[in-house]
C-alpha cells in the first residue's frame, strides 16, 4: 500500500489526484503531519509526501531501521513540479514510484542513485539476492575500476559494464555469481542465482522446525547458500503438509508438487519401500528434486531428531541456467511509438540480435556492455538461429524486429528454432498497418486483413487466392511489401482483383515511412492509384464497400445497422 501525506491545501489537491488514480493501491493519512508520517511509515510499503524534502528527512530520520526493510519515500514539491526519490530508491521502489507519480501529476521524476544516473544496473536490481561488500563493488563498477567476475555459469542477467569481467587479479573488487558458500573479504560481493531445487519428504504432521532444520543443515554441510534455493518440491499427496508448507514460507520460496506416478518413473539412487507404500512412489525427496532436471548434489538425507525416528527427508539438485529470449517489436520507427515494455526488454538484455538498421534506431537505449550481433538484409534465419543459440548459452537475449515482431518479422523463424530449454517472451509492437491507419483516419473500422505481396517465400498463386478471397468477402486489405524494383507487377494484379468486387471510387490510403521523419501519405481511389508511386517502404490500405473519404480521411463505419443506405455496404442493402 502507498501512503499519501500532505500538509497544505495545494498538496491535498495533488494528493487526492493520486488517490483517485490509484484506487485500491493508495491510502490518505490525515491528521498532524508527524503522526501521519509515523503511521504510514509503519503500515505502508511506500510513501508519497507532499512536503519539502528537508521536512521529510527530519520526520523519517528517527523511523529508519534498515535499507532492506524501510519503505520507499518520494517527496513532491508544493507546485507539483518534481517527484524526488528520497529514500529506498531500489529496495523500496522509490525510483519507480517517482516515475509513476510523475506520470499522474506531470511532475519530473528526480532520481539520484548513481547506477540509475549512468544507466548501469545496480547489483541489488538484478533480480538476485546479493551479499557481501555490495557498496564497494558497486562503487568499483561505477568508477570503471577492474572487477573480477567469478561465475559458475552464465545467467540471463542484464549487461554489465565492460570493466566487470576483468582478468583475475586486475583489481581488488570481485563479484561472484554462485550458489556455493564462498569466503568474502572486503570489496567482494556475491549474487545468488536461483539454481537449487530441494526435494522434501515428510511423515504426517512432521514438525516445521524439523523440516526446515534438515534443509538448512543439509545446505550448510554441502556448502550451498539457502538464498539460491529456487523452490521446495514434493509429491502431490504432501501438498498441504503443514511442516513442508511452513518451511517453504520461511525460506520465501514456492512449493511445487508432482503426481506420485510421475515421480515413480524417475530413477534415483536411494529408492525405498516406505514412501511407495505411503504415497505411491519409491522416492519423494530425490525424485521430486530431479523431476525438473539437473544434477543431484546431495542425495537423500534424513533428519536426526533426538529420541525418536526421523520424520523428514530432503535432497538437493542444481539446475542448469535457462537462457531467456525476448522477441521485441520496435514499432514503425518513431521513438514515441516504442512501447515501455520494449524499452525494458532492451535494457534487460545482455545480448542484442537484429538487422543493422534497426539496431541503429535503439542503440542509445542499450546498457553499457551489451553485446550487439547485427547483420544485413536477407539474414533473417541466421539472426533467428544466432538469437536462440545465445539464449541456450544462458544469456538474456533481445531479438528485435520492426513493427510487431510476430507480423512478417522475426518471431516465426526464432520460435521455429527455439525449444523448451529456453524461456521465450514476446513483446508486441505497433505494426506498420496500425501506424498507417492512424495517419489515414479510421480505415480499419471493420473486418480487415494484412497480405504481403512479396512472393519471395510464398508462391504467387497462394497470394492471389488470398487477395481474391478478401475481395469477395468485402474485407479491408492492407498490403505489405507492395512493390520493389524487381517486383512491379504484383500490386497492379492485386488491385485488379479487388476492382472486380469494388467500385473505382473505393478509397485507398497510401502511407510511406509511417511515423518516420520522411513520412508521407495520401488518400486516393482504387481507379486513381498509380502503382509506380509505391515502394517497399509503403503500406497500401484498400477500403471495403462501406469505406468513405470524409474531410480528407479514410473512414470505414463500424455500426452498419444505423447507417443510411448511402453508406451501408452492398450486403446490407441487398434485397
Protein backbone atom coordinates (compact mmCIF):
# COMPACT_ATOMS: atom_id res chain seq x y z
CA UNK A 1 0.00 0.00 0.00
CA UNK A 2 1.14 3.56 -0.74
CA UNK A 3 0.64 6.17 1.98
CA UNK A 4 -0.22 9.71 0.83
CA UNK A 5 0.52 12.64 3.17
CA UNK A 6 0.09 16.38 2.67
CA UNK A 7 0.27 19.48 4.84
CA UNK A 8 -1.27 22.21 2.64
CA UNK A 9 -4.34 22.74 0.51
CA UNK A 10 -2.29 22.64 -2.71
CA UNK A 11 -0.63 19.43 -1.60
CA UNK A 12 -4.02 17.94 -0.76
CA UNK A 13 -5.26 18.60 -4.29
CA UNK A 14 -2.33 16.73 -5.82
CA UNK A 15 -2.58 14.05 -3.14
CA UNK A 16 -6.23 13.46 -3.99
CA UNK A 17 -5.38 13.17 -7.69
CA UNK A 18 -3.03 10.33 -6.86
CA UNK A 19 -5.58 8.71 -4.57
CA UNK A 20 -8.21 8.84 -7.34
CA UNK A 21 -5.78 7.38 -9.90
CA UNK A 22 -4.52 4.66 -7.59
CA UNK A 23 -7.73 3.34 -6.10
CA UNK A 24 -7.05 0.26 -4.03
CA UNK A 25 -3.30 0.96 -4.05
CA UNK A 26 -3.08 4.16 -2.02
CA UNK A 27 -4.49 5.48 1.26
CA UNK A 28 -4.61 9.07 2.53
CA UNK A 29 -3.20 9.71 6.01
CA UNK A 30 -4.87 12.74 7.60
CA UNK A 31 -4.18 14.50 10.88
CA UNK A 32 -1.00 16.04 12.23
CA UNK A 33 1.81 15.52 9.73
CA UNK A 34 4.33 14.00 12.15
CA UNK A 35 1.83 11.41 13.33
CA UNK A 36 0.62 10.72 9.78
CA UNK A 37 4.19 10.06 8.61
CA UNK A 38 4.85 7.80 11.59
CA UNK A 39 1.75 5.70 10.95
CA UNK A 40 2.27 5.49 7.20
CA UNK A 41 5.95 4.57 7.65
CA UNK A 42 4.95 1.64 9.87
CA UNK A 43 1.99 0.47 7.78
CA UNK A 44 2.87 1.07 4.11
CA UNK A 45 5.41 -0.26 1.61
CA UNK A 46 5.82 3.23 0.09
CA UNK A 47 5.07 6.87 0.94
CA UNK A 48 4.42 9.95 -1.16
CA UNK A 49 4.84 13.11 0.90
CA UNK A 50 3.69 16.47 -0.43
CA UNK A 51 6.24 18.25 1.75
CA UNK A 52 9.68 19.81 1.46
CA UNK A 53 12.48 17.25 1.34
CA UNK A 54 14.13 18.77 4.42
CA UNK A 55 10.94 18.36 6.41
CA UNK A 56 10.56 14.75 5.34
CA UNK A 57 14.19 13.99 6.19
CA UNK A 58 13.62 15.22 9.74
CA UNK A 59 10.34 13.34 10.07
CA UNK A 60 11.56 9.94 8.85
CA UNK A 61 15.10 10.01 10.29
CA UNK A 62 14.04 8.64 13.72
CA UNK A 63 12.00 5.91 12.00
CA UNK A 64 14.77 4.39 9.89
CA UNK A 65 15.65 0.76 10.62
CA UNK A 66 17.36 -0.87 7.63
CA UNK A 67 17.51 -0.15 3.89
CA UNK A 68 16.16 -3.63 3.21
CA UNK A 69 13.08 -3.02 5.35
CA UNK A 70 12.35 0.71 5.19
CA UNK A 71 9.62 1.85 2.79
CA UNK A 72 10.42 3.85 -0.31
CA UNK A 73 9.71 7.57 0.15
CA UNK A 74 9.00 10.13 -2.58
CA UNK A 75 8.67 13.88 -1.98
CA UNK A 76 6.60 16.15 -4.22
CA UNK A 77 7.04 19.92 -4.08
CA UNK A 78 4.19 22.37 -3.49
CA UNK A 79 3.84 23.21 -7.19
CA UNK A 80 3.91 19.56 -8.26
CA UNK A 81 6.94 20.13 -10.49
CA UNK A 82 9.24 17.41 -9.15
CA UNK A 83 8.85 13.95 -7.64
CA UNK A 84 12.03 13.24 -5.67
CA UNK A 85 13.00 9.67 -4.80
CA UNK A 86 14.27 10.41 -1.29
CA UNK A 87 14.59 7.03 0.41
CA UNK A 88 14.73 3.42 -0.75
CA UNK A 89 15.35 4.12 -4.42
CA UNK A 90 15.99 0.47 -5.27
CA UNK A 91 14.91 -1.73 -2.40
CA UNK A 92 11.89 0.42 -1.52
CA UNK A 93 10.95 1.08 -5.12
CA UNK A 94 11.10 4.86 -4.71
CA UNK A 95 12.78 5.40 -8.07
CA UNK A 96 9.97 3.66 -9.92
CA UNK A 97 7.40 5.35 -7.69
CA UNK A 98 8.80 8.78 -8.58
CA UNK A 99 8.31 7.96 -12.24
CA UNK A 100 4.77 6.76 -11.58
CA UNK A 101 3.93 9.92 -9.63
CA UNK A 102 5.29 11.98 -12.49
CA UNK A 103 3.06 10.20 -14.98
CA UNK A 104 -0.05 11.11 -12.99
CA UNK A 105 0.84 14.63 -11.91
CA UNK A 106 3.06 15.73 -14.79
CA UNK A 107 5.97 16.10 -12.38
CA UNK A 108 9.57 15.47 -13.39
CA UNK A 109 10.96 12.42 -11.55
CA UNK A 110 14.22 13.14 -9.74
CA UNK A 111 16.37 10.02 -9.27
CA UNK A 112 19.84 10.42 -7.79
CA UNK A 113 21.02 6.84 -7.25
CA UNK A 114 24.34 6.54 -9.07
CA UNK A 115 23.59 3.39 -11.03
CA UNK A 116 20.38 4.82 -12.45
CA UNK A 117 22.10 8.08 -13.33
CA UNK A 118 24.69 6.37 -15.55
CA UNK A 119 22.49 3.55 -16.88
CA UNK A 120 24.28 0.74 -15.07
CA UNK A 121 22.18 -1.90 -13.28
CA UNK A 122 22.62 -1.85 -9.53
CA UNK A 123 23.73 -5.12 -8.00
CA UNK A 124 20.57 -5.04 -5.89
CA UNK A 125 18.40 -4.61 -9.01
CA UNK A 126 19.47 -7.70 -10.95
CA UNK A 127 16.70 -9.86 -9.56
CA UNK A 128 19.06 -11.98 -7.45
CA UNK A 129 19.85 -11.83 -3.74
CA UNK A 130 23.21 -10.17 -3.14
CA UNK A 131 25.57 -10.44 -0.17
CA UNK A 132 28.91 -9.03 0.87
CA UNK A 133 30.51 -5.65 0.40
CA UNK A 134 27.88 -4.51 -2.09
CA UNK A 135 28.70 -0.81 -1.73
CA UNK A 136 32.41 -1.25 -2.52
CA UNK A 137 31.83 -3.48 -5.53
CA UNK A 138 29.09 -1.18 -6.83
CA UNK A 139 31.47 1.75 -6.48
CA UNK A 140 34.13 -0.09 -8.48
CA UNK A 141 31.60 -0.90 -11.20
CA UNK A 142 30.54 2.75 -11.42
CA UNK A 143 34.12 4.05 -11.37
CA UNK A 144 35.15 1.79 -14.23
CA UNK A 145 37.68 0.06 -11.99
CA UNK A 146 38.54 -3.58 -12.76
CA UNK A 147 36.05 -6.00 -11.24
CA UNK A 148 36.88 -9.69 -11.41
CA UNK A 149 33.84 -11.80 -12.26
CA UNK A 150 33.76 -15.36 -10.92
CA UNK A 151 30.63 -17.14 -12.15
CA UNK A 152 29.84 -20.83 -12.02
CA UNK A 153 27.65 -20.49 -15.12
CA UNK A 154 26.14 -17.94 -17.49
CA UNK A 155 22.90 -16.49 -16.14
CA UNK A 156 20.33 -14.38 -18.02
CA UNK A 157 21.28 -11.10 -16.39
CA UNK A 158 21.30 -7.59 -17.89
CA UNK A 159 24.50 -6.40 -19.49
CA UNK A 160 27.25 -5.49 -17.05
CA UNK A 161 29.79 -2.79 -17.95
CA UNK A 162 32.96 -3.87 -19.77
CA UNK A 163 35.09 -3.42 -16.62
CA UNK A 164 33.14 -6.26 -14.96
CA UNK A 165 34.91 -9.43 -16.07
CA UNK A 166 38.42 -8.09 -15.88
CA UNK A 167 41.27 -10.63 -15.70
CA UNK A 168 41.86 -12.30 -12.36
CA UNK A 169 43.90 -10.09 -10.08
CA UNK A 170 43.46 -6.94 -12.18
CA UNK A 171 41.92 -5.18 -9.22
CA UNK A 172 40.75 -5.81 -5.66
CA UNK A 173 37.00 -5.87 -6.43
CA UNK A 174 35.42 -9.28 -7.01
CA UNK A 175 31.89 -10.22 -7.97
CA UNK A 176 30.86 -13.86 -7.56
CA UNK A 177 27.78 -15.42 -9.13
CA UNK A 178 27.35 -18.76 -7.42
CA UNK A 179 25.14 -20.89 -5.21
CA UNK A 180 28.20 -22.03 -3.24
CA UNK A 181 29.30 -20.57 0.08
CA UNK A 182 32.43 -18.56 -0.65
CA UNK A 183 34.69 -16.60 1.62
CA UNK A 184 34.08 -12.88 1.12
CA UNK A 185 36.72 -10.38 2.03
CA UNK A 186 36.48 -6.63 1.65
CA UNK A 187 35.45 -5.40 -1.81
CA UNK A 188 33.82 -8.72 -2.66
CA UNK A 189 30.13 -9.47 -3.22
CA UNK A 190 28.16 -12.48 -4.34
CA UNK A 191 24.98 -12.76 -6.38
CA UNK A 192 22.86 -15.80 -5.56
CA UNK A 193 21.20 -17.38 -8.62
CA UNK A 194 18.04 -19.43 -8.03
CA UNK A 195 19.73 -22.66 -9.01
CA UNK A 196 18.80 -25.16 -6.29
CA UNK A 197 15.72 -27.34 -6.01
CA UNK A 198 15.21 -29.06 -2.68
CA UNK A 199 13.09 -32.18 -2.72
CA UNK A 200 11.33 -32.80 0.57
CA UNK A 201 9.54 -35.80 2.04
CA UNK A 202 7.84 -35.85 5.41
CA UNK A 203 5.72 -38.05 7.60
CA UNK A 204 2.29 -36.78 8.56
CA UNK A 205 2.49 -33.84 10.98
CA UNK A 206 6.28 -33.59 10.74
CA UNK A 207 7.26 -30.50 12.76
CA UNK A 208 8.10 -27.36 10.81
CA UNK A 209 11.36 -26.92 12.71
CA UNK A 210 12.43 -30.47 11.83
CA UNK A 211 11.78 -29.95 8.11
CA UNK A 212 13.37 -26.52 7.99
CA UNK A 213 16.29 -27.55 10.19
CA UNK A 214 17.03 -30.52 7.93
CA UNK A 215 17.03 -28.31 4.83
CA UNK A 216 19.29 -25.68 6.37
CA UNK A 217 21.72 -28.22 7.84
CA UNK A 218 21.90 -30.09 4.54
CA UNK A 219 22.67 -26.94 2.58
CA UNK A 220 25.26 -25.77 5.10
CA UNK A 221 27.08 -29.11 5.15
CA UNK A 222 27.11 -29.15 1.33
CA UNK A 223 28.49 -25.61 1.20
CA UNK A 224 25.39 -24.24 -0.52
CA UNK A 225 23.54 -20.99 0.12
CA UNK A 226 19.86 -21.06 1.14
CA UNK A 227 19.47 -17.83 -0.87
CA UNK A 228 19.94 -19.90 -4.04
CA UNK A 229 17.01 -22.21 -3.29
CA UNK A 230 14.52 -21.72 -6.11
CA UNK A 231 11.77 -23.96 -4.76
CA UNK A 232 10.83 -26.83 -2.49
CA UNK A 233 9.43 -29.84 -4.31
CA UNK A 234 7.41 -32.80 -3.09
CA UNK A 235 4.72 -35.28 -4.07
CA UNK A 236 1.12 -34.17 -4.63
CA UNK A 237 -0.01 -36.09 -1.57
CA UNK A 238 2.12 -33.77 0.61
CA UNK A 239 0.98 -30.51 -0.97
CA UNK A 240 -0.78 -29.50 2.23
CA UNK A 241 1.63 -30.99 4.74
CA UNK A 242 1.94 -28.19 7.33
CA UNK A 243 5.64 -28.65 8.06
CA UNK A 244 6.60 -28.55 4.37
CA UNK A 245 4.29 -25.62 3.60
CA UNK A 246 5.67 -23.66 6.55
CA UNK A 247 9.28 -24.40 5.59
CA UNK A 248 8.67 -23.05 2.08
CA UNK A 249 7.14 -19.92 3.56
CA UNK A 250 10.08 -19.45 5.95
CA UNK A 251 12.52 -19.77 3.04
CA UNK A 252 10.32 -17.47 0.94
CA UNK A 253 10.20 -19.89 -1.98
CA UNK A 254 7.31 -21.61 -3.79
CA UNK A 255 6.28 -25.20 -3.13
CA UNK A 256 5.85 -27.35 -6.24
CA UNK A 257 4.33 -30.82 -6.29
CA UNK A 258 4.29 -33.72 -8.75
CA UNK A 259 1.96 -36.72 -9.10
CA UNK A 260 3.27 -39.90 -7.49
CA UNK A 261 3.08 -41.82 -10.78
CA UNK A 262 5.37 -39.26 -12.42
CA UNK A 263 7.90 -39.43 -9.60
CA UNK A 264 7.81 -43.21 -9.64
CA UNK A 265 9.23 -43.19 -13.20
CA UNK A 266 12.35 -41.23 -12.18
CA UNK A 267 15.48 -43.26 -11.47
CA UNK A 268 17.01 -42.42 -8.10
CA UNK A 269 19.98 -43.76 -6.15
CA UNK A 270 18.03 -44.50 -2.97
CA UNK A 271 14.52 -45.88 -3.58
CA UNK A 272 12.57 -47.07 -0.57
CA UNK A 273 9.53 -49.22 0.15
CA UNK A 274 8.23 -46.85 2.83
CA UNK A 275 7.20 -43.94 0.54
CA UNK A 276 5.98 -46.43 -2.05
CA UNK A 277 3.53 -47.82 0.48
CA UNK A 278 2.59 -44.39 1.85
CA UNK A 279 2.22 -42.22 -1.27
CA UNK A 280 2.75 -44.48 -4.27
CA UNK A 281 6.35 -43.71 -5.28
CA UNK A 282 9.62 -45.31 -4.12
CA UNK A 283 11.19 -41.87 -3.77
CA UNK A 284 9.88 -38.48 -2.77
CA UNK A 285 12.87 -36.30 -1.88
CA UNK A 286 15.25 -37.38 -4.65
CA UNK A 287 12.63 -37.94 -7.34
CA UNK A 288 10.84 -34.64 -6.78
CA UNK A 289 14.13 -32.73 -6.76
CA UNK A 290 15.13 -34.41 -10.04
CA UNK A 291 11.72 -34.00 -11.69
CA UNK A 292 12.69 -30.65 -13.18
CA UNK A 293 16.07 -31.92 -14.38
CA UNK A 294 19.51 -31.12 -13.08
CA UNK A 295 22.42 -32.61 -11.18
CA UNK A 296 21.87 -34.37 -7.86
CA UNK A 297 24.26 -32.61 -5.49
CA UNK A 298 23.02 -34.06 -2.21
CA UNK A 299 21.31 -37.48 -2.18
CA UNK A 300 18.52 -38.19 0.25
CA UNK A 301 19.22 -37.20 3.83
CA UNK A 302 17.11 -37.88 6.88
CA UNK A 303 16.51 -35.59 9.81
CA UNK A 304 18.12 -36.58 13.12
CA UNK A 305 15.77 -35.74 15.98
CA UNK A 306 16.71 -36.89 19.43
CA UNK A 307 14.80 -39.78 20.96
CA UNK A 308 12.56 -40.69 18.00
CA UNK A 309 12.54 -41.70 14.34
CA UNK A 310 13.18 -39.23 11.56
CA UNK A 311 10.06 -37.59 10.09
CA UNK A 312 11.67 -35.64 7.21
CA UNK A 313 13.95 -36.26 4.24
CA UNK A 314 15.48 -33.95 1.67
CA UNK A 315 17.69 -33.99 -1.42
CA UNK A 316 19.27 -31.12 -3.37
CA UNK A 317 19.56 -30.72 -7.13
CA UNK A 318 21.36 -27.98 -9.05
CA UNK A 319 19.50 -26.93 -12.17
CA UNK A 320 21.24 -25.51 -15.20
CA UNK A 321 20.52 -21.87 -16.04
CA UNK A 322 17.72 -21.25 -18.53
CA UNK A 323 18.52 -18.59 -21.06
CA UNK A 324 15.91 -16.02 -21.97
CA UNK A 325 14.91 -14.86 -25.44
CA UNK A 326 12.76 -11.75 -25.78
CA UNK A 327 11.40 -11.19 -29.28
CA UNK A 328 10.87 -7.44 -29.33
CA UNK A 329 8.78 -5.37 -31.73
CA UNK A 330 10.23 -1.87 -32.12
CA UNK A 331 7.17 -0.33 -33.74
CA UNK A 332 7.14 1.57 -37.03
CA UNK A 333 10.18 3.72 -36.28
CA UNK A 334 9.18 6.71 -34.16
CA UNK A 335 10.76 6.62 -30.70
CA UNK A 336 7.49 7.60 -29.01
CA UNK A 337 5.80 4.54 -30.53
CA UNK A 338 8.34 2.20 -28.91
CA UNK A 339 6.45 0.64 -26.01
CA UNK A 340 7.68 0.88 -22.40
CA UNK A 341 7.85 -2.90 -22.27
CA UNK A 342 10.09 -2.96 -25.31
CA UNK A 343 12.41 -0.39 -23.68
CA UNK A 344 12.57 -2.52 -20.54
CA UNK A 345 13.44 -5.65 -22.50
CA UNK A 346 16.19 -3.86 -24.43
CA UNK A 347 17.76 -2.80 -21.15
CA UNK A 348 17.29 -6.22 -19.63
CA UNK A 349 19.26 -7.93 -22.38
CA UNK A 350 22.96 -8.73 -22.31
CA UNK A 351 22.91 -9.74 -25.99
CA UNK A 352 21.06 -7.91 -28.77
CA UNK A 353 20.47 -9.51 -32.18
CA UNK A 354 18.98 -7.59 -35.07
CA UNK A 355 19.08 -6.05 -38.52
CA UNK A 356 21.73 -3.36 -38.60
CA UNK A 357 19.34 -0.53 -39.49
CA UNK A 358 17.00 -1.49 -36.63
CA UNK A 359 19.91 -1.69 -34.19
CA UNK A 360 20.82 1.87 -35.11
CA UNK A 361 17.33 3.00 -34.08
CA UNK A 362 17.73 1.86 -30.48
CA UNK A 363 21.49 1.68 -29.91
CA UNK A 364 21.35 4.56 -27.45
CA UNK A 365 18.87 2.69 -25.23
CA UNK A 366 21.16 -0.27 -24.59
CA UNK A 367 23.11 -0.68 -21.38
CA UNK A 368 26.89 -0.31 -21.46
CA UNK A 369 28.45 -3.70 -22.11
CA UNK A 370 25.61 -5.08 -24.23
CA UNK A 371 26.90 -7.48 -26.90
CA UNK A 372 25.46 -6.43 -30.27
CA UNK A 373 25.19 -9.01 -33.05
CA UNK A 374 23.91 -7.24 -36.15
CA UNK A 375 23.61 -8.28 -39.78
CA UNK A 376 22.18 -7.00 -43.05
CA UNK A 377 19.07 -7.65 -45.11
CA UNK A 378 18.36 -11.23 -46.09
CA UNK A 379 19.93 -12.83 -43.00
CA UNK A 380 16.68 -13.39 -41.06
CA UNK A 381 17.16 -17.11 -40.47
CA UNK A 382 20.77 -16.57 -39.43
CA UNK A 383 19.67 -13.94 -36.89
CA UNK A 384 16.99 -16.26 -35.54
CA UNK A 385 19.47 -19.11 -35.10
CA UNK A 386 22.02 -16.79 -33.51
CA UNK A 387 19.50 -15.43 -31.01
CA UNK A 388 18.36 -18.90 -29.96
CA UNK A 389 21.96 -20.12 -29.73
CA UNK A 390 22.93 -17.23 -27.44
CA UNK A 391 19.90 -17.90 -25.24
CA UNK A 392 20.89 -21.55 -24.99
CA UNK A 393 24.25 -20.40 -23.62
CA UNK A 394 22.32 -18.84 -20.72
CA UNK A 395 22.24 -15.21 -21.87
CA UNK A 396 19.37 -12.75 -21.76
CA UNK A 397 18.82 -12.08 -25.46
CA UNK A 398 16.70 -9.49 -27.24
CA UNK A 399 15.89 -10.26 -30.87
CA UNK A 400 14.47 -7.15 -32.47
CA UNK A 401 12.22 -6.52 -35.46
CA UNK A 402 10.27 -3.57 -36.79
CA UNK A 403 6.58 -3.15 -36.11
CA UNK A 404 5.38 -6.20 -34.22
CA UNK A 405 7.99 -8.94 -34.24
CA UNK A 406 5.28 -11.52 -34.84
CA UNK A 407 3.96 -9.88 -38.03
CA UNK A 408 6.14 -10.58 -41.08
CA UNK A 409 9.13 -10.41 -38.77
CA UNK A 410 11.49 -12.37 -36.53
CA UNK A 411 9.20 -14.22 -34.13
CA UNK A 412 8.30 -17.00 -36.56
CA UNK A 413 11.83 -18.09 -37.52
CA UNK A 414 13.04 -17.70 -33.93
CA UNK A 415 10.27 -19.77 -32.38
CA UNK A 416 10.74 -22.41 -35.06
CA UNK A 417 14.30 -22.79 -33.75
CA UNK A 418 13.58 -22.48 -30.02
CA UNK A 419 12.75 -25.45 -27.84
CA UNK A 420 11.62 -25.97 -24.27
CA UNK A 421 15.17 -25.47 -22.99
CA UNK A 422 14.92 -21.66 -23.00
CA UNK A 423 12.35 -19.13 -21.86
CA UNK A 424 10.74 -17.09 -24.64
CA UNK A 425 8.93 -13.78 -24.18
CA UNK A 426 7.07 -11.91 -26.91
CA UNK A 427 6.91 -8.11 -26.74
CA UNK A 428 4.22 -6.67 -29.04
CA UNK A 429 4.83 -3.57 -31.09
CA UNK A 430 2.80 -1.11 -33.15
CA UNK A 431 2.58 -2.52 -36.67
CA UNK A 432 3.06 -0.56 -39.89
CA UNK A 433 -0.60 -1.26 -40.74
CA UNK A 434 -1.80 0.30 -37.48
CA UNK A 435 0.55 3.27 -37.76
CA UNK A 436 -0.59 3.89 -41.34
CA UNK A 437 -4.25 3.53 -40.36
CA UNK A 438 -3.87 6.16 -37.65
CA UNK A 439 -2.39 8.55 -40.21
CA UNK A 440 -5.12 7.87 -42.76
CA UNK A 441 -8.03 8.22 -40.33
CA UNK A 442 -10.07 5.15 -39.45
CA UNK A 443 -9.82 2.78 -42.42
CA UNK A 444 -9.75 -0.41 -40.30
CA UNK A 445 -13.09 0.20 -38.59
CA UNK A 446 -14.41 -3.20 -39.65
CA UNK A 447 -13.01 -6.61 -40.58
CA UNK A 448 -9.59 -6.29 -42.16
CA UNK A 449 -6.66 -8.40 -43.28
CA UNK A 450 -2.96 -7.83 -43.98
CA UNK A 451 -1.46 -9.52 -47.05
CA UNK A 452 2.17 -9.42 -48.13
CA UNK A 453 2.61 -9.20 -51.89
CA UNK A 454 6.19 -10.50 -51.72
CA UNK A 455 6.44 -13.89 -53.41
CA UNK A 456 9.93 -14.49 -52.09
CA UNK A 457 8.66 -17.01 -49.52
CA UNK A 458 5.06 -17.54 -50.68
CA UNK A 459 4.06 -18.64 -54.22
CA UNK A 460 2.09 -16.01 -56.10
CA UNK A 461 -0.73 -18.49 -56.68
CA UNK A 462 -1.29 -18.62 -52.90
CA UNK A 463 -1.10 -14.83 -52.55
CA UNK A 464 -3.58 -14.33 -55.39
CA UNK A 465 -6.02 -16.78 -53.84
CA UNK A 466 -5.91 -14.85 -50.58
CA UNK A 467 -6.42 -11.49 -52.31
CA UNK A 468 -9.37 -12.89 -54.22
CA UNK A 469 -10.93 -14.27 -51.03
CA UNK A 470 -10.59 -10.89 -49.31
CA UNK A 471 -12.09 -9.17 -52.34
CA UNK A 472 -15.09 -11.49 -52.48
CA UNK A 473 -15.65 -11.16 -48.72
CA UNK A 474 -15.52 -7.33 -48.87
CA UNK A 475 -12.73 -7.20 -46.30
CA UNK A 476 -10.48 -4.16 -45.94
CA UNK A 477 -6.99 -5.07 -47.18
CA UNK A 478 -3.62 -3.70 -46.11
CA UNK A 479 -0.83 -4.64 -48.49
CA UNK A 480 2.68 -5.07 -47.10
CA UNK A 481 5.71 -5.26 -49.42
CA UNK A 482 3.59 -3.93 -52.29
CA UNK A 483 6.26 -3.20 -54.89
CA UNK A 484 10.02 -3.27 -55.43
CA UNK A 485 12.31 -2.60 -58.37
CA UNK A 486 12.43 -6.26 -59.29
CA UNK A 487 8.80 -6.99 -58.44
CA UNK A 488 6.49 -4.47 -60.03
CA UNK A 489 3.50 -6.39 -61.38
CA UNK A 490 2.01 -7.90 -58.21
CA UNK A 491 0.35 -4.72 -56.88
CA UNK A 492 -1.42 -3.91 -60.19
CA UNK A 493 -2.66 -7.50 -60.31
CA UNK A 494 -3.94 -7.37 -56.73
CA UNK A 495 -5.72 -4.05 -57.38
CA UNK A 496 -7.28 -5.54 -60.50
CA UNK A 497 -8.70 -8.43 -58.47
CA UNK A 498 -10.15 -6.03 -55.89
CA UNK A 499 -11.65 -3.94 -58.70
CA UNK A 500 -13.79 -6.90 -59.72
CA UNK A 501 -15.72 -6.51 -56.47
CA UNK A 502 -15.36 -2.81 -55.52
CA UNK A 503 -16.22 0.47 -57.19
CA UNK A 504 -13.50 2.55 -58.90
CA UNK A 505 -14.00 5.27 -56.30
CA UNK A 506 -13.25 2.98 -53.34
CA UNK A 507 -10.84 4.93 -51.09
CA UNK A 508 -7.25 3.75 -50.98
CA UNK A 509 -4.72 5.02 -48.46
CA UNK A 510 -1.02 5.17 -49.27
CA UNK A 511 1.46 5.79 -46.45
CA UNK A 512 5.21 5.78 -46.85
CA UNK A 513 7.62 5.58 -43.90
CA UNK A 514 4.83 5.80 -41.34
CA UNK A 515 5.88 7.73 -38.20
CA UNK A 516 9.38 8.45 -39.51
CA UNK A 517 10.83 11.87 -40.39
CA UNK A 518 10.23 11.37 -44.14
CA UNK A 519 6.65 10.20 -43.66
CA UNK A 520 4.20 10.94 -46.50
CA UNK A 521 0.58 9.95 -47.01
CA UNK A 522 -2.35 10.47 -49.31
CA UNK A 523 -5.86 9.21 -49.85
CA UNK A 524 -6.71 8.29 -53.42
CA UNK A 525 -9.05 5.79 -55.06
CA UNK A 526 -8.87 2.31 -56.48
CA UNK A 527 -9.02 3.64 -60.02
CA UNK A 528 -6.63 6.56 -59.49
CA UNK A 529 -3.81 4.82 -57.63
CA UNK A 530 -0.62 4.71 -59.66
CA UNK A 531 1.37 1.63 -58.56
CA UNK A 532 4.57 3.25 -59.79
CA UNK A 533 4.38 5.68 -56.85
CA UNK A 534 4.59 2.81 -54.34
CA UNK A 535 7.73 1.12 -52.98
CA UNK A 536 8.79 -1.28 -50.22
CA UNK A 537 8.58 1.45 -47.59
CA UNK A 538 4.90 1.93 -48.38
CA UNK A 539 1.75 0.44 -46.90
CA UNK A 540 -1.34 0.42 -49.10
CA UNK A 541 -4.79 0.12 -47.49
CA UNK A 542 -7.81 -0.55 -49.69
CA UNK A 543 -11.21 0.11 -48.13
CA UNK A 544 -14.32 -2.05 -48.41
CA UNK A 545 -17.63 -1.08 -49.98
CA UNK A 546 -18.56 0.97 -46.92
CA UNK A 547 -15.32 2.95 -46.67
CA UNK A 548 -15.64 6.65 -47.46
CA UNK A 549 -13.35 9.66 -47.72
CA UNK A 550 -14.59 12.24 -45.22
CA UNK A 551 -12.74 15.54 -44.81
CA UNK A 552 -9.70 14.02 -46.47
CA UNK A 553 -9.65 10.99 -44.18
CA UNK A 554 -10.46 7.34 -44.81
CA UNK A 555 -13.35 6.17 -42.65
CA UNK A 556 -14.86 2.70 -42.50
CA UNK A 557 -18.06 2.74 -40.42
CA UNK A 558 -18.34 0.20 -37.64
CA UNK A 559 -22.07 0.15 -36.84
CA UNK A 560 -23.75 -0.88 -40.06
CA UNK A 561 -27.22 -1.18 -38.52
CA UNK A 562 -27.69 2.55 -38.07
CA UNK A 563 -26.09 3.59 -41.35
CA UNK A 564 -28.12 5.10 -44.16
CA UNK A 565 -28.43 3.21 -47.39
CA UNK A 566 -25.89 5.54 -48.98
CA UNK A 567 -23.10 4.50 -46.63
CA UNK A 568 -24.01 0.87 -45.95
CA UNK A 569 -22.06 -1.90 -47.69
CA UNK A 570 -23.65 -3.75 -50.55
CA UNK A 571 -24.69 -6.78 -48.49
CA UNK A 572 -26.62 -4.58 -46.01
CA UNK A 573 -28.81 -3.01 -48.72
CA UNK A 574 -29.31 -6.04 -50.91
CA UNK A 575 -32.99 -7.16 -51.18
